Amino acid sequence: MLGSMPRATGEFARLLETHDDAAVIALSDDLCLVQTVDFFTPIVDDPYWFGQIAAANALSDIYAMGARPLTAMNLVAWPVDIGLEPLAEVLRGGAEKVAEAGAELAGGHSIDDPEPKYGLAVTGVARPEEIVYNGGARPGDKLVLTKRLGIGVLATALKRGLIAEAEMMDAVREAAALNAAASRTMLAVGVDACTDVTGFGLAGHLAEMLDASQAAGDGGERGVAAVIHLDALPLHERVLEFIEGDTIAHGLRNNRDYLLPRFTGVGLSDSRILALFDPQTSGGLLMAVAGDCHERLVSELTAAGAGAYTIGEVVAGPAGSVALADRHG
């Protein structure tokens, strides 16, 4: 990735221009700060698990860039009329996740708000040569995803009373899991690009990767495009069932309407396609890895306890486009 190191802006600020979700600030020739912030409304009913998921989600931008979280600060919006006991559980869940990440919780800020919201502002550190950007994918790279898709669909089903929280606990635990092990593994193996999959869904964050890679000059004359194999997409249980019953969030529809022009191949009658646009809360890392490193990456991700789903590949083609197919098709 050194060949596509972003340039610094400002003689003193040393803020690096990137296409990533976190800001990178070069403090010296051998140390960078990586900073991010994220918060959202509850996607589950249990306040403790809400805190866990929100904290893991905020930390994910740090891990996606290969950095190590250093400090975190709470961001809280809370309706005082529902009491402070649920808030204490949210904060407990978040604090435990920050501690698991090896970071220090350094206070935060709260406001009275009619709708609960929670998240973190996170600062991480990394050496310049360790940082992995989302711009760097090259034709021939394999695309590897580390968590299953569909948490947004399940959260919508939960809000509509179509599923009990106990029935979706596998998805809840996966959302609450840190991307730390996956991040360490990608640094050990070496990947060309990485991003985490969150609110824009797999489709949106893949599109950002392709666009950033084209901007970094890694696409050659034609451009950086991708092929996604629908039969390889890892989905949580019952996700397709709910999609087929039109249990999808407004955010999924927005992602689809905005991103669909990039896609070619299988028609929209295939319900698996909608899972590509599902907003993910604390989703996995999406990595572009060279073919000769792919097998090692999958093996070491599995050994580290992370998911390792090969969902497609980067190809030369119309810049930013995504072709959809089954592997046998």
C-alpha atoms as a PDB file:
ATOM      1  CA  MET A   1       0.000   0.000   0.000  1.00  0.00           C
ATOM      2  CA  LEU A   2       2.965   2.397   0.230  1.00  0.00           C
ATOM      3  CA  GLY A   3       2.649   3.105  -3.474  1.00  0.00           C
ATOM      4  CA  SER A   4      -0.798   4.651  -2.961  1.00  0.00           C
ATOM      5  CA  MET A   5      -0.057   6.558   0.254  1.00  0.00           C
ATOM      6  CA  PRO A   6      -2.346   9.633   0.256  1.00  0.00           C
ATOM      7  CA  ARG A   7      -0.723  13.029   0.290  1.00  0.00           C
ATOM      8  CA  ALA A   8      -0.835  15.328   3.309  1.00  0.00           C
ATOM      9  CA  THR A   9      -2.727  18.616   3.240  1.00  0.00           C
ATOM     10  CA  GLY A  10      -1.482  21.578   5.227  1.00  0.00           C
ATOM     11  CA  GLU A  11       2.029  22.151   6.414  1.00  0.00           C
ATOM     12  CA  PHE A  12       1.176  21.586  10.069  1.00  0.00           C
ATOM     13  CA  ALA A  13      -2.097  19.659  10.182  1.00  0.00           C
ATOM     14  CA  ARG A  14      -0.741  16.762   8.106  1.00  0.00           C
ATOM     15  CA  LEU A  15      -4.242  15.502   7.453  1.00  0.00           C
ATOM     16  CA  LEU A  16      -4.010  12.840   4.762  1.00  0.00           C
ATOM     17  CA  GLU A  17      -6.499  12.892   1.906  1.00  0.00           C
ATOM     18  CA  THR A  18      -8.164   9.474   1.681  1.00  0.00           C
ATOM     19  CA  HIS A  19     -11.520   7.993   0.641  1.00  0.00           C
ATOM     20  CA  ASP A  20     -11.902   6.130   3.951  1.00  0.00           C
ATOM     21  CA  ASP A  21     -14.427   6.461   6.780  1.00  0.00           C
ATOM     22  CA  ALA A  22     -11.722   7.418   9.286  1.00  0.00           C
ATOM     23  CA  ALA A  23      -9.400  10.420   9.216  1.00  0.00           C
ATOM     24  CA  VAL A  24      -5.646   9.815   9.143  1.00  0.00           C
ATOM     25  CA  ILE A  25      -3.332  12.404  10.681  1.00  0.00           C
ATOM     26  CA  ALA A  26       0.417  12.014  10.236  1.00  0.00           C
ATOM     27  CA  LEU A  27       2.083  13.075  13.500  1.00  0.00           C
ATOM     28  CA  SER A  28       5.569  12.110  12.394  1.00  0.00           C
ATOM     29  CA  ASP A  29       7.322   9.954   9.816  1.00  0.00           C
ATOM     30  CA  ASP A  30       6.598   6.842  11.891  1.00  0.00           C
ATOM     31  CA  LEU A  31       3.268   7.522  13.640  1.00  0.00           C
ATOM     32  CA  CYS A  32      -0.275   8.319  12.487  1.00  0.00           C
ATOM     33  CA  LEU A  33      -3.489   8.977  14.366  1.00  0.00           C
ATOM     34  CA  VAL A  34      -6.641   7.390  12.955  1.00  0.00           C
ATOM     35  CA  GLN A  35      -9.864   9.032  14.138  1.00  0.00           C
ATOM     36  CA  THR A  36     -13.519   8.168  13.639  1.00  0.00           C
ATOM     37  CA  VAL A  37     -16.953   8.727  15.149  1.00  0.00           C
ATOM     38  CA  ASP A  38     -20.183   6.757  14.862  1.00  0.00           C
ATOM     39  CA  PHE A  39     -23.473   6.472  16.734  1.00  0.00           C
ATOM     40  CA  PHE A  40     -27.001   5.316  15.963  1.00  0.00           C
ATOM     41  CA  THR A  41     -30.416   4.425  17.338  1.00  0.00           C
ATOM     42  CA  PRO A  42     -31.073   0.969  18.865  1.00  0.00           C
ATOM     43  CA  ILE A  43     -31.360  -1.999  16.502  1.00  0.00           C
ATOM     44  CA  VAL A  44     -32.128  -4.414  19.366  1.00  0.00           C
ATOM     45  CA  ASP A  45     -34.286  -4.142  22.478  1.00  0.00           C
ATOM     46  CA  ASP A  46     -31.723  -5.194  25.075  1.00  0.00           C
ATOM     47  CA  PRO A  47     -29.783  -2.065  26.180  1.00  0.00           C
ATOM     48  CA  TYR A  48     -26.628  -4.014  27.051  1.00  0.00           C
ATOM     49  CA  TRP A  49     -26.415  -5.565  23.585  1.00  0.00           C
ATOM     50  CA  PHE A  50     -27.196  -2.177  22.034  1.00  0.00           C
ATOM     51  CA  GLY A  51     -24.154  -0.779  23.841  1.00  0.00           C
ATOM     52  CA  GLN A  52     -21.978  -3.697  22.748  1.00  0.00           C
ATOM     53  CA  ILE A  53     -22.984  -3.429  19.090  1.00  0.00           C
ATOM     54  CA  ALA A  54     -22.701   0.357  18.928  1.00  0.00           C
ATOM     55  CA  ALA A  55     -19.219   0.296  20.447  1.00  0.00           C
ATOM     56  CA  ALA A  56     -18.018  -2.502  18.154  1.00  0.00           C
ATOM     57  CA  ASN A  57     -19.421  -0.590  15.184  1.00  0.00           C
ATOM     58  CA  ALA A  58     -17.545   2.599  16.085  1.00  0.00           C
ATOM     59  CA  LEU A  59     -14.287   0.720  16.661  1.00  0.00           C
ATOM     60  CA  SER A  60     -14.616  -1.005  13.289  1.00  0.00           C
ATOM     61  CA  ASP A  61     -13.385   1.969  11.221  1.00  0.00           C
ATOM     62  CA  ILE A  62     -10.114   1.830  13.171  1.00  0.00           C
ATOM     63  CA  TYR A  63      -9.692  -1.890  12.539  1.00  0.00           C
ATOM     64  CA  ALA A  64     -10.556  -1.528   8.847  1.00  0.00           C
ATOM     65  CA  MET A  65      -7.466   0.625   8.402  1.00  0.00           C
ATOM     66  CA  GLY A  66      -5.164  -1.714  10.313  1.00  0.00           C
ATOM     67  CA  ALA A  67      -4.855   0.662  13.278  1.00  0.00           C
ATOM     68  CA  ARG A  68      -5.076  -0.077  17.002  1.00  0.00           C
ATOM     69  CA  PRO A  69      -7.700   1.753  19.109  1.00  0.00           C
ATOM     70  CA  LEU A  70      -6.165   3.949  21.774  1.00  0.00           C
ATOM     71  CA  THR A  71      -9.000   5.981  23.362  1.00  0.00           C
ATOM     72  CA  ALA A  72     -12.773   6.223  23.028  1.00  0.00           C
ATOM     73  CA  MET A  73     -15.335   8.790  24.212  1.00  0.00           C
ATOM     74  CA  ASN A  74     -19.035   8.104  24.727  1.00  0.00           C
ATOM     75  CA  LEU A  75     -21.654   9.915  22.650  1.00  0.00           C
ATOM     76  CA  VAL A  76     -25.084   9.653  24.290  1.00  0.00           C
ATOM     77  CA  ALA A  77     -28.500  11.037  23.431  1.00  0.00           C
ATOM     78  CA  TRP A  78     -31.092   9.812  25.922  1.00  0.00           C
ATOM     79  CA  PRO A  79     -34.737  10.543  26.778  1.00  0.00           C
ATOM     80  CA  VAL A  80     -34.711  11.231  30.518  1.00  0.00           C
ATOM     81  CA  ASP A  81     -38.314  10.084  30.905  1.00  0.00           C
ATOM     82  CA  ILE A  82     -37.409   6.408  30.360  1.00  0.00           C
ATOM     83  CA  GLY A  83     -34.962   6.478  33.255  1.00  0.00           C
ATOM     84  CA  LEU A  84     -31.260   5.971  33.716  1.00  0.00           C
ATOM     85  CA  GLU A  85     -31.194   2.235  34.445  1.00  0.00           C
ATOM     86  CA  PRO A  86     -31.378   1.238  30.769  1.00  0.00           C
ATOM     87  CA  LEU A  87     -28.738   3.866  29.976  1.00  0.00           C
ATOM     88  CA  ALA A  88     -26.439   2.354  32.582  1.00  0.00           C
ATOM     89  CA  GLU A  89     -26.728  -0.978  30.749  1.00  0.00           C
ATOM     90  CA  VAL A  90     -25.961   0.657  27.390  1.00  0.00           C
ATOM     91  CA  LEU A  91     -22.858   2.279  28.867  1.00  0.00           C
ATOM     92  CA  ARG A  92     -21.809  -0.966  30.546  1.00  0.00           C
ATOM     93  CA  GLY A  93     -22.016  -2.806  27.248  1.00  0.00           C
ATOM     94  CA  GLY A  94     -20.012  -0.109  25.501  1.00  0.00           C
ATOM     95  CA  ALA A  95     -17.380   0.099  28.239  1.00  0.00           C
ATOM     96  CA  GLU A  96     -16.831  -3.654  28.220  1.00  0.00           C
ATOM     97  CA  LYS A  97     -16.356  -3.622  24.444  1.00  0.00           C
ATOM     98  CA  VAL A  98     -13.851  -0.752  24.638  1.00  0.00           C
ATOM     99  CA  ALA A  99     -11.931  -2.631  27.327  1.00  0.00           C
ATOM    100  CA  GLU A 100     -11.960  -5.775  25.176  1.00  0.00           C
ATOM    101  CA  ALA A 101     -10.402  -3.692  22.404  1.00  0.00           C
ATOM    102  CA  GLY A 102      -7.582  -2.684  24.742  1.00  0.00           C
ATOM    103  CA  ALA A 103      -8.535   1.004  24.576  1.00  0.00           C
ATOM    104  CA  GLU A 104      -9.176   3.534  27.344  1.00  0.00           C
ATOM    105  CA  LEU A 105     -12.630   5.041  27.817  1.00  0.00           C
ATOM    106  CA  ALA A 106     -11.941   8.764  28.292  1.00  0.00           C
ATOM    107  CA  GLY A 107     -15.312  10.255  29.217  1.00  0.00           C
ATOM    108  CA  GLY A 108     -17.788  11.591  26.690  1.00  0.00           C
ATOM    109  CA  HIS A 109     -20.864  13.772  26.327  1.00  0.00           C
ATOM    110  CA  SER A 110     -24.613  13.295  26.785  1.00  0.00           C
ATOM    111  CA  ILE A 111     -27.757  15.223  25.891  1.00  0.00           C
ATOM    112  CA  ASP A 112     -31.482  14.848  26.545  1.00  0.00           C
ATOM    113  CA  ASP A 113     -33.081  13.613  23.322  1.00  0.00           C
ATOM    114  CA  PRO A 114     -36.498  12.084  22.538  1.00  0.00           C
ATOM    115  CA  GLU A 115     -34.837   9.160  20.714  1.00  0.00           C
ATOM    116  CA  PRO A 116     -32.024   7.070  22.255  1.00  0.00           C
ATOM    117  CA  LYS A 117     -28.685   7.163  20.456  1.00  0.00           C
ATOM    118  CA  TYR A 118     -25.290   5.826  21.446  1.00  0.00           C
ATOM    119  CA  GLY A 119     -21.853   5.490  19.965  1.00  0.00           C
ATOM    120  CA  LEU A 120     -18.216   6.442  20.307  1.00  0.00           C
ATOM    121  CA  ALA A 121     -15.585   8.826  19.048  1.00  0.00           C
ATOM    122  CA  VAL A 122     -12.460   6.692  18.702  1.00  0.00           C
ATOM    123  CA  THR A 123      -8.783   7.516  18.255  1.00  0.00           C
ATOM    124  CA  GLY A 124      -6.344   4.859  17.093  1.00  0.00           C
ATOM    125  CA  VAL A 125      -2.675   4.723  16.172  1.00  0.00           C
ATOM    126  CA  ALA A 126      -0.692   3.030  13.444  1.00  0.00           C
ATOM    127  CA  ARG A 127       2.624   3.252  11.680  1.00  0.00           C
ATOM    128  CA  PRO A 128       2.270   4.708   8.172  1.00  0.00           C
ATOM    129  CA  GLU A 129       3.361   1.464   6.534  1.00  0.00           C
ATOM    130  CA  GLU A 130       0.706  -0.492   8.466  1.00  0.00           C
ATOM    131  CA  ILE A 131      -2.293   1.535   7.318  1.00  0.00           C
ATOM    132  CA  VAL A 132      -4.616  -0.201   4.862  1.00  0.00           C
ATOM    133  CA  TYR A 133      -6.729   2.087   2.694  1.00  0.00           C
ATOM    134  CA  ASN A 134      -9.909   1.271   0.818  1.00  0.00           C
ATOM    135  CA  GLY A 135      -8.220   2.454  -2.382  1.00  0.00           C
ATOM    136  CA  GLY A 136      -5.783  -0.192  -3.595  1.00  0.00           C
ATOM    137  CA  ALA A 137      -7.818  -3.050  -5.021  1.00  0.00           C
ATOM    138  CA  ARG A 138      -6.359  -4.450  -8.237  1.00  0.00           C
ATOM    139  CA  PRO A 139      -7.783  -6.675 -10.984  1.00  0.00           C
ATOM    140  CA  GLY A 140      -7.148 -10.270  -9.975  1.00  0.00           C
ATOM    141  CA  ASP A 141      -7.717  -9.657  -6.257  1.00  0.00           C
ATOM    142  CA  LYS A 142     -10.161 -11.890  -4.398  1.00  0.00           C
ATOM    143  CA  LEU A 143     -12.873 -10.261  -2.273  1.00  0.00           C
ATOM    144  CA  VAL A 144     -13.140 -11.712   1.242  1.00  0.00           C
ATOM    145  CA  LEU A 145     -15.873 -10.757   3.753  1.00  0.00           C
ATOM    146  CA  THR A 146     -15.591 -11.549   7.471  1.00  0.00           C
ATOM    147  CA  LYS A 147     -19.206 -11.325   8.720  1.00  0.00           C
ATOM    148  CA  ARG A 148     -22.553 -12.470   7.395  1.00  0.00           C
ATOM    149  CA  LEU A 149     -25.108 -10.069   5.912  1.00  0.00           C
ATOM    150  CA  GLY A 150     -28.677  -9.267   6.914  1.00  0.00           C
ATOM    151  CA  ILE A 151     -28.594  -7.687  10.387  1.00  0.00           C
ATOM    152  CA  GLY A 152     -30.606  -4.731   9.028  1.00  0.00           C
ATOM    153  CA  VAL A 153     -33.344  -7.022   7.725  1.00  0.00           C
ATOM    154  CA  LEU A 154     -33.488  -8.866  11.056  1.00  0.00           C
ATOM    155  CA  ALA A 155     -33.627  -5.607  13.020  1.00  0.00           C
ATOM    156  CA  THR A 156     -36.567  -4.512  10.848  1.00  0.00           C
ATOM    157  CA  ALA A 157     -38.299  -7.845  11.487  1.00  0.00           C
ATOM    158  CA  LEU A 158     -37.730  -7.365  15.219  1.00  0.00           C
ATOM    159  CA  LYS A 159     -39.301  -3.891  15.155  1.00  0.00           C
ATOM    160  CA  ARG A 160     -42.326  -5.301  13.317  1.00  0.00           C
ATOM    161  CA  GLY A 161     -42.752  -8.133  15.818  1.00  0.00           C
ATOM    162  CA  LEU A 162     -41.964 -10.830  13.254  1.00  0.00           C
ATOM    163  CA  ILE A 163     -39.033 -12.292  15.179  1.00  0.00           C
ATOM    164  CA  ALA A 164     -38.062 -12.424  18.848  1.00  0.00           C
ATOM    165  CA  GLU A 165     -34.697 -11.087  19.911  1.00  0.00           C
ATOM    166  CA  ALA A 166     -33.803 -14.528  21.287  1.00  0.00           C
ATOM    167  CA  GLU A 167     -34.274 -15.969  17.783  1.00  0.00           C
ATOM    168  CA  MET A 168     -31.663 -13.645  16.258  1.00  0.00           C
ATOM    169  CA  MET A 169     -28.988 -13.856  18.952  1.00  0.00           C
ATOM    170  CA  ASP A 170     -26.446 -15.426  16.602  1.00  0.00           C
ATOM    171  CA  ALA A 171     -26.677 -12.295  14.457  1.00  0.00           C
ATOM    172  CA  VAL A 172     -26.595 -10.032  17.529  1.00  0.00           C
ATOM    173  CA  ARG A 173     -23.435 -11.701  18.865  1.00  0.00           C
ATOM    174  CA  GLU A 174     -21.788 -11.485  15.459  1.00  0.00           C
ATOM    175  CA  ALA A 175     -22.606  -7.776  15.221  1.00  0.00           C
ATOM    176  CA  ALA A 176     -21.156  -7.242  18.709  1.00  0.00           C
ATOM    177  CA  ALA A 177     -17.920  -9.058  17.852  1.00  0.00           C
ATOM    178  CA  LEU A 178     -14.879  -6.856  17.304  1.00  0.00           C
ATOM    179  CA  ASN A 179     -13.110  -6.888  13.956  1.00  0.00           C
ATOM    180  CA  ALA A 180      -9.807  -6.940  15.838  1.00  0.00           C
ATOM    181  CA  ALA A 181      -8.730 -10.474  14.928  1.00  0.00           C
ATOM    182  CA  ALA A 182      -9.593  -9.930  11.274  1.00  0.00           C
ATOM    183  CA  SER A 183      -7.591  -6.695  11.289  1.00  0.00           C
ATOM    184  CA  ARG A 184      -4.517  -8.325  12.803  1.00  0.00           C
ATOM    185  CA  THR A 185      -4.761 -11.152  10.289  1.00  0.00           C
ATOM    186  CA  MET A 186      -4.931  -8.868   7.264  1.00  0.00           C
ATOM    187  CA  LEU A 187      -1.830  -7.030   8.504  1.00  0.00           C
ATOM    188  CA  ALA A 188       0.032 -10.286   8.959  1.00  0.00           C
ATOM    189  CA  VAL A 189      -0.909 -11.620   5.520  1.00  0.00           C
ATOM    190  CA  GLY A 190      -1.029  -8.370   3.559  1.00  0.00           C
ATOM    191  CA  VAL A 191      -4.031  -7.149   1.564  1.00  0.00           C
ATOM    192  CA  ASP A 192      -4.403  -4.529  -1.144  1.00  0.00           C
ATOM    193  CA  ALA A 193      -7.461  -2.754   0.258  1.00  0.00           C
ATOM    194  CA  CYS A 194      -9.995  -2.982   3.082  1.00  0.00           C
ATOM    195  CA  THR A 195     -13.182  -1.326   4.255  1.00  0.00           C
ATOM    196  CA  ASP A 196     -15.781  -2.212   6.854  1.00  0.00           C
ATOM    197  CA  VAL A 197     -19.348  -2.885   5.769  1.00  0.00           C
ATOM    198  CA  THR A 198     -21.861  -0.678   7.576  1.00  0.00           C
ATOM    199  CA  GLY A 199     -24.734   1.642   6.659  1.00  0.00           C
ATOM    200  CA  PHE A 200     -24.284   1.677   2.874  1.00  0.00           C
ATOM    201  CA  GLY A 201     -24.420  -2.123   2.784  1.00  0.00           C
ATOM    202  CA  LEU A 202     -21.988  -4.402   1.007  1.00  0.00           C
ATOM    203  CA  ALA A 203     -22.921  -2.790  -2.312  1.00  0.00           C
ATOM    204  CA  GLY A 204     -22.148   0.743  -1.156  1.00  0.00           C
ATOM    205  CA  HIS A 205     -18.875  -0.009   0.556  1.00  0.00           C
ATOM    206  CA  LEU A 206     -17.674  -2.141  -2.347  1.00  0.00           C
ATOM    207  CA  ALA A 207     -18.521   0.758  -4.658  1.00  0.00           C
ATOM    208  CA  GLU A 208     -16.445   3.082  -2.469  1.00  0.00           C
ATOM    209  CA  MET A 209     -13.537   0.627  -2.665  1.00  0.00           C
ATOM    210  CA  LEU A 210     -13.732   0.441  -6.448  1.00  0.00           C
ATOM    211  CA  ASP A 211     -13.963   4.222  -6.818  1.00  0.00           C
ATOM    212  CA  ALA A 212     -11.082   4.832  -4.401  1.00  0.00           C
ATOM    213  CA  SER A 213      -8.966   2.215  -6.157  1.00  0.00           C
ATOM    214  CA  GLN A 214      -9.592   3.846  -9.522  1.00  0.00           C
ATOM    215  CA  ALA A 215      -8.644   7.232  -8.032  1.00  0.00           C
ATOM    216  CA  ALA A 216      -5.452   5.691  -6.645  1.00  0.00           C
ATOM    217  CA  GLY A 217      -4.513   4.613 -10.157  1.00  0.00           C
ATOM    218  CA  ASP A 218      -4.788   0.869  -9.611  1.00  0.00           C
ATOM    219  CA  GLY A 219      -7.257   0.133 -12.413  1.00  0.00           C
ATOM    220  CA  GLY A 220      -5.169   0.474 -15.521  1.00  0.00           C
ATOM    221  CA  GLU A 221      -6.713   1.893 -18.675  1.00  0.00           C
ATOM    222  CA  ARG A 222     -10.143   0.265 -18.309  1.00  0.00           C
ATOM    223  CA  GLY A 223     -10.914   0.711 -14.642  1.00  0.00           C
ATOM    224  CA  VAL A 224     -11.510  -1.217 -11.446  1.00  0.00           C
ATOM    225  CA  ALA A 225     -14.695  -3.294 -11.394  1.00  0.00           C
ATOM    226  CA  ALA A 226     -15.899  -6.378  -9.521  1.00  0.00           C
ATOM    227  CA  VAL A 227     -17.802  -9.620  -9.890  1.00  0.00           C
ATOM    228  CA  ILE A 228     -19.954 -10.790  -6.954  1.00  0.00           C
ATOM    229  CA  HIS A 229     -21.072 -14.434  -6.750  1.00  0.00           C
ATOM    230  CA  LEU A 230     -24.564 -14.450  -5.273  1.00  0.00           C
ATOM    231  CA  ASP A 231     -24.335 -18.106  -4.277  1.00  0.00           C
ATOM    232  CA  ALA A 232     -21.293 -17.250  -2.142  1.00  0.00           C
ATOM    233  CA  LEU A 233     -22.961 -14.491  -0.092  1.00  0.00           C
ATOM    234  CA  PRO A 234     -23.069 -15.393   3.623  1.00  0.00           C
ATOM    235  CA  LEU A 235     -26.492 -14.563   5.055  1.00  0.00           C
ATOM    236  CA  HIS A 236     -27.926 -14.818   8.552  1.00  0.00           C
ATOM    237  CA  GLU A 237     -30.752 -17.291   9.033  1.00  0.00           C
ATOM    238  CA  ARG A 238     -34.207 -16.158   7.866  1.00  0.00           C
ATOM    239  CA  VAL A 239     -32.863 -13.103   6.010  1.00  0.00           C
ATOM    240  CA  LEU A 240     -34.073 -14.312   2.610  1.00  0.00           C
ATOM    241  CA  GLU A 241     -37.429 -15.274   4.133  1.00  0.00           C
ATOM    242  CA  PHE A 242     -37.952 -11.734   5.416  1.00  0.00           C
ATOM    243  CA  ILE A 243     -36.717 -10.096   2.200  1.00  0.00           C
ATOM    244  CA  GLU A 244     -39.184 -12.179   0.209  1.00  0.00           C
ATOM    245  CA  GLY A 245     -41.900 -10.943   2.578  1.00  0.00           C
ATOM    246  CA  ASP A 246     -40.851  -7.318   1.928  1.00  0.00           C
ATOM    247  CA  THR A 247     -39.488  -6.889   5.463  1.00  0.00           C
ATOM    248  CA  ILE A 248     -36.801  -4.418   4.512  1.00  0.00           C
ATOM    249  CA  ALA A 249     -35.762  -1.086   5.947  1.00  0.00           C
ATOM    250  CA  HIS A 250     -36.066   2.293   4.248  1.00  0.00           C
ATOM    251  CA  GLY A 251     -32.264   2.474   4.239  1.00  0.00           C
ATOM    252  CA  LEU A 252     -32.079  -0.666   2.102  1.00  0.00           C
ATOM    253  CA  ARG A 253     -34.426   0.870  -0.451  1.00  0.00           C
ATOM    254  CA  ASN A 254     -32.364   4.065  -0.533  1.00  0.00           C
ATOM    255  CA  ASN A 255     -29.119   2.125  -1.006  1.00  0.00           C
ATOM    256  CA  ARG A 256     -30.690   0.074  -3.797  1.00  0.00           C
ATOM    257  CA  ASP A 257     -32.096   3.068  -5.649  1.00  0.00           C
ATOM    258  CA  TYR A 258     -28.798   4.940  -5.485  1.00  0.00           C
ATOM    259  CA  LEU A 259     -26.444   2.063  -6.273  1.00  0.00           C
ATOM    260  CA  LEU A 260     -28.424  -0.147  -8.642  1.00  0.00           C
ATOM    261  CA  PRO A 261     -27.189   1.573 -11.834  1.00  0.00           C
ATOM    262  CA  ARG A 262     -23.728   0.146 -11.119  1.00  0.00           C
ATOM    263  CA  PHE A 263     -24.963  -3.438 -11.220  1.00  0.00           C
ATOM    264  CA  THR A 264     -25.347  -5.815 -14.144  1.00  0.00           C
ATOM    265  CA  GLY A 265     -26.218  -9.491 -14.476  1.00  0.00           C
ATOM    266  CA  VAL A 266     -28.864 -11.334 -12.499  1.00  0.00           C
ATOM    267  CA  GLY A 267     -32.267  -9.616 -12.427  1.00  0.00           C
ATOM    268  CA  LEU A 268     -33.809  -8.041  -9.338  1.00  0.00           C
ATOM    269  CA  SER A 269     -36.252 -10.928  -9.068  1.00  0.00           C
ATOM    270  CA  ASP A 270     -33.457 -12.734  -7.204  1.00  0.00           C
ATOM    271  CA  SER A 271     -34.001 -11.832  -3.534  1.00  0.00           C
ATOM    272  CA  ARG A 272     -30.341 -12.378  -2.718  1.00  0.00           C
ATOM    273  CA  ILE A 273     -29.529  -9.161  -4.526  1.00  0.00           C
ATOM    274  CA  LEU A 274     -31.413  -7.077  -1.964  1.00  0.00           C
ATOM    275  CA  ALA A 275     -29.120  -8.424   0.768  1.00  0.00           C
ATOM    276  CA  LEU A 276     -26.282  -6.536  -0.946  1.00  0.00           C
ATOM    277  CA  PHE A 277     -28.016  -3.238  -0.153  1.00  0.00           C
ATOM    278  CA  ASP A 278     -29.016  -4.053   3.438  1.00  0.00           C
ATOM    279  CA  PRO A 279     -27.547  -1.497   5.887  1.00  0.00           C
ATOM    280  CA  GLN A 280     -25.213  -3.363   8.199  1.00  0.00           C
ATOM    281  CA  THR A 281     -24.652  -2.329  11.780  1.00  0.00           C
ATOM    282  CA  SER A 282     -21.197  -3.417  12.906  1.00  0.00           C
ATOM    283  CA  GLY A 283     -20.646  -5.521   9.806  1.00  0.00           C
ATOM    284  CA  GLY A 284     -17.490  -7.322   8.793  1.00  0.00           C
ATOM    285  CA  LEU A 285     -14.367  -6.252   6.964  1.00  0.00           C
ATOM    286  CA  LEU A 286     -14.305  -6.476   3.181  1.00  0.00           C
ATOM    287  CA  MET A 287     -10.778  -7.164   1.936  1.00  0.00           C
ATOM    288  CA  ALA A 288      -9.259  -7.227  -1.532  1.00  0.00           C
ATOM    289  CA  VAL A 289      -6.337  -9.657  -1.462  1.00  0.00           C
ATOM    290  CA  ALA A 290      -3.961 -10.784  -4.191  1.00  0.00           C
ATOM    291  CA  GLY A 291      -4.669 -14.259  -5.557  1.00  0.00           C
ATOM    292  CA  ASP A 292      -1.414 -15.717  -4.300  1.00  0.00           C
ATOM    293  CA  CYS A 293      -2.212 -14.585  -0.743  1.00  0.00           C
ATOM    294  CA  HIS A 294      -5.895 -15.550  -0.782  1.00  0.00           C
ATOM    295  CA  GLU A 295      -5.607 -19.091   0.537  1.00  0.00           C
ATOM    296  CA  ARG A 296      -3.364 -18.008   3.400  1.00  0.00           C
ATOM    297  CA  LEU A 297      -5.712 -15.151   4.322  1.00  0.00           C
ATOM    298  CA  VAL A 298      -8.754 -17.437   4.468  1.00  0.00           C
ATOM    299  CA  SER A 299      -6.853 -20.034   6.491  1.00  0.00           C
ATOM    300  CA  GLU A 300      -5.530 -17.524   9.022  1.00  0.00           C
ATOM    301  CA  LEU A 301      -8.855 -15.693   9.375  1.00  0.00           C
ATOM    302  CA  THR A 302     -10.502 -19.020  10.165  1.00  0.00           C
ATOM    303  CA  ALA A 303      -7.777 -19.911  12.672  1.00  0.00           C
ATOM    304  CA  ALA A 304      -8.267 -16.501  14.345  1.00  0.00           C
ATOM    305  CA  GLY A 305     -11.990 -17.136  14.790  1.00  0.00           C
ATOM    306  CA  ALA A 306     -13.105 -14.623  12.163  1.00  0.00           C
ATOM    307  CA  GLY A 307     -15.350 -15.316   9.211  1.00  0.00           C
ATOM    308  CA  ALA A 308     -13.683 -15.835   5.837  1.00  0.00           C
ATOM    309  CA  TYR A 309     -16.189 -15.760   2.962  1.00  0.00           C
ATOM    310  CA  THR A 310     -14.815 -15.376  -0.562  1.00  0.00           C
ATOM    311  CA  ILE A 311     -17.625 -13.556  -2.348  1.00  0.00           C
ATOM    312  CA  GLY A 312     -16.081 -12.472  -5.650  1.00  0.00           C
ATOM    313  CA  GLU A 313     -13.123 -10.840  -7.304  1.00  0.00           C
ATOM    314  CA  VAL A 314     -11.843  -7.538  -8.622  1.00  0.00           C
ATOM    315  CA  VAL A 315     -11.652  -7.321 -12.402  1.00  0.00           C
ATOM    316  CA  ALA A 316     -10.728  -4.839 -15.080  1.00  0.00           C
ATOM    317  CA  GLY A 317     -13.847  -3.286 -16.536  1.00  0.00           C
ATOM    318  CA  PRO A 318     -16.036  -0.186 -16.528  1.00  0.00           C
ATOM    319  CA  ALA A 319     -14.848   1.765 -13.499  1.00  0.00           C
ATOM    320  CA  GLY A 320     -16.952   1.119 -10.407  1.00  0.00           C
ATOM    321  CA  SER A 321     -19.282  -1.418 -12.010  1.00  0.00           C
ATOM    322  CA  VAL A 322     -20.321  -4.693 -10.365  1.00  0.00           C
ATOM    323  CA  ALA A 323     -21.404  -7.792 -12.261  1.00  0.00           C
ATOM    324  CA  LEU A 324     -23.622 -10.287 -10.444  1.00  0.00           C
ATOM    325  CA  ALA A 325     -23.557 -14.010 -11.166  1.00  0.00           C
ATOM    326  CA  ASP A 326     -23.650 -17.420  -9.597  1.00  0.00           C
ATOM    327  CA  ARG A 327     -20.311 -19.186  -9.746  1.00  0.00           C
ATOM    328  CA  HIS A 328     -21.762 -21.897 -11.961  1.00  0.00           C
ATOM    329  CA  GLY A 329     -23.432 -19.345 -14.200  1.00  0.00           C
END
